[in-house]
Protein backbone atom coordinates (compact mmCIF):
# COMPACT_ATOMS: atom_id res chain seq x y z
CA VAL A 1 -21.16 20.09 -13.73
CA LEU A 2 -17.24 20.36 -12.56
CA SER A 3 -14.69 17.74 -14.53
CA ASP A 4 -12.87 15.69 -12.52
CA ASP A 5 -9.96 17.62 -13.16
CA ASP A 6 -11.57 20.73 -11.63
CA THR A 7 -13.42 18.84 -9.23
CA SER A 8 -9.85 17.39 -7.09
CA SER A 9 -8.83 20.68 -7.37
CA THR A 10 -11.17 22.12 -5.52
CA ILE A 11 -11.09 19.76 -2.45
CA ALA A 12 -7.53 20.53 -2.67
CA VAL A 13 -7.59 23.52 -1.70
CA GLU A 14 -11.17 23.70 0.48
CA ASP A 15 -9.52 19.91 2.67
CA LYS A 16 -6.42 20.93 4.15
CA LYS A 17 -6.11 18.96 6.80
CA PRO A 18 -3.86 16.49 7.18
CA LYS A 19 -4.85 12.63 6.18
CA ARG A 20 -3.54 9.43 7.27
CA ILE A 21 -4.15 6.99 4.66
CA LEU A 22 -3.73 3.79 4.25
CA ILE A 23 -3.69 1.18 0.85
CA ILE A 24 -2.66 -2.99 1.12
CA ALA A 25 -1.43 -3.95 -1.83
CA GLY A 26 -1.00 -7.05 -3.51
CA PRO A 27 1.41 -9.16 -5.72
CA GLY A 28 1.75 -8.56 -8.86
CA ASN A 29 -0.59 -5.57 -11.45
CA ASN A 30 -2.48 -4.46 -8.52
CA GLY A 31 1.08 -4.21 -6.09
CA GLY A 32 1.95 -1.40 -8.38
CA ASP A 33 -1.88 -0.40 -9.24
CA GLY A 34 -1.56 0.71 -5.18
CA LEU A 35 1.69 2.19 -5.30
CA VAL A 36 1.42 4.24 -8.46
CA ALA A 37 -2.32 5.10 -6.29
CA ALA A 38 0.02 6.22 -3.28
CA ARG A 39 2.34 8.56 -5.76
CA HIS A 40 -1.25 9.82 -6.85
CA LEU A 41 -2.75 10.57 -3.06
CA LYS A 42 0.85 12.50 -2.20
CA HIS A 43 0.42 14.79 -4.97
CA PHE A 44 -2.93 15.79 -4.53
CA GLU A 45 -2.32 15.55 -0.35
CA PRO A 46 1.61 16.08 0.02
CA ASN A 47 0.69 16.69 3.93
CA SER A 48 -1.21 13.03 4.59
CA HIS A 49 0.90 10.58 6.15
CA ILE A 50 0.85 7.95 3.51
CA MET A 51 1.57 4.30 4.10
CA VAL A 52 1.54 0.98 1.57
CA VAL A 53 0.38 -2.53 3.12
CA TYR A 54 2.87 -4.26 0.37
CA PRO A 55 3.79 -8.24 1.81
CA LYS A 56 4.51 -9.82 -1.63
CA LYS A 57 7.01 -7.45 -3.26
CA SER A 58 7.46 -8.48 -6.70
CA SER A 59 10.89 -9.47 -7.36
CA ARG A 60 9.97 -10.79 -10.69
CA GLU A 61 9.97 -7.26 -12.80
CA PRO A 62 12.45 -4.27 -11.34
CA HIS A 63 9.63 -2.23 -11.41
CA TYR A 64 8.19 -2.28 -8.87
CA ALA A 65 11.53 -1.73 -7.17
CA LYS A 66 11.67 1.46 -8.18
CA LEU A 67 8.05 1.96 -8.11
CA VAL A 68 8.91 1.64 -4.18
CA LYS A 69 11.78 3.61 -4.14
CA GLN A 70 9.27 6.31 -6.10
CA CYS A 71 6.93 5.66 -3.13
CA THR A 72 9.83 6.28 -0.25
CA ASP A 73 11.54 9.44 -1.99
CA MET A 74 8.71 10.74 -1.33
CA GLY A 75 8.12 10.16 2.31
CA ILE A 76 5.98 7.37 2.16
CA ILE A 77 6.00 4.73 4.38
CA VAL A 78 5.97 1.39 2.48
CA SER A 79 6.29 -1.58 4.40
CA ASP A 80 6.13 -5.51 4.80
CA GLY A 81 3.65 -5.32 7.21
CA PRO A 82 1.83 -3.60 10.15
CA MET A 83 3.53 -1.39 12.07
CA ASP A 84 3.96 -0.80 16.28
CA GLY A 85 3.36 2.55 16.78
CA GLU A 86 1.41 5.46 15.44
CA TRP A 87 2.83 6.26 11.89
């Protein structure tokens, strides 16, 4: 039986095709969780194209702005809503 770490490494090695991943993130902690998930996915799937639709960005805490910046710095698209065209 493989542990979680071994399984994720095995999956990442065997499937090298770029993926398109869409994450829809709500406000508050749910939005933060979506941004963190996007970051982790980008680490495990560096050739993937990831977009986070995050329409209700939280302005209450600067932590969320930092998460958005981390994502965009990694090449993850963070959008207020649906985008036209390809991503």
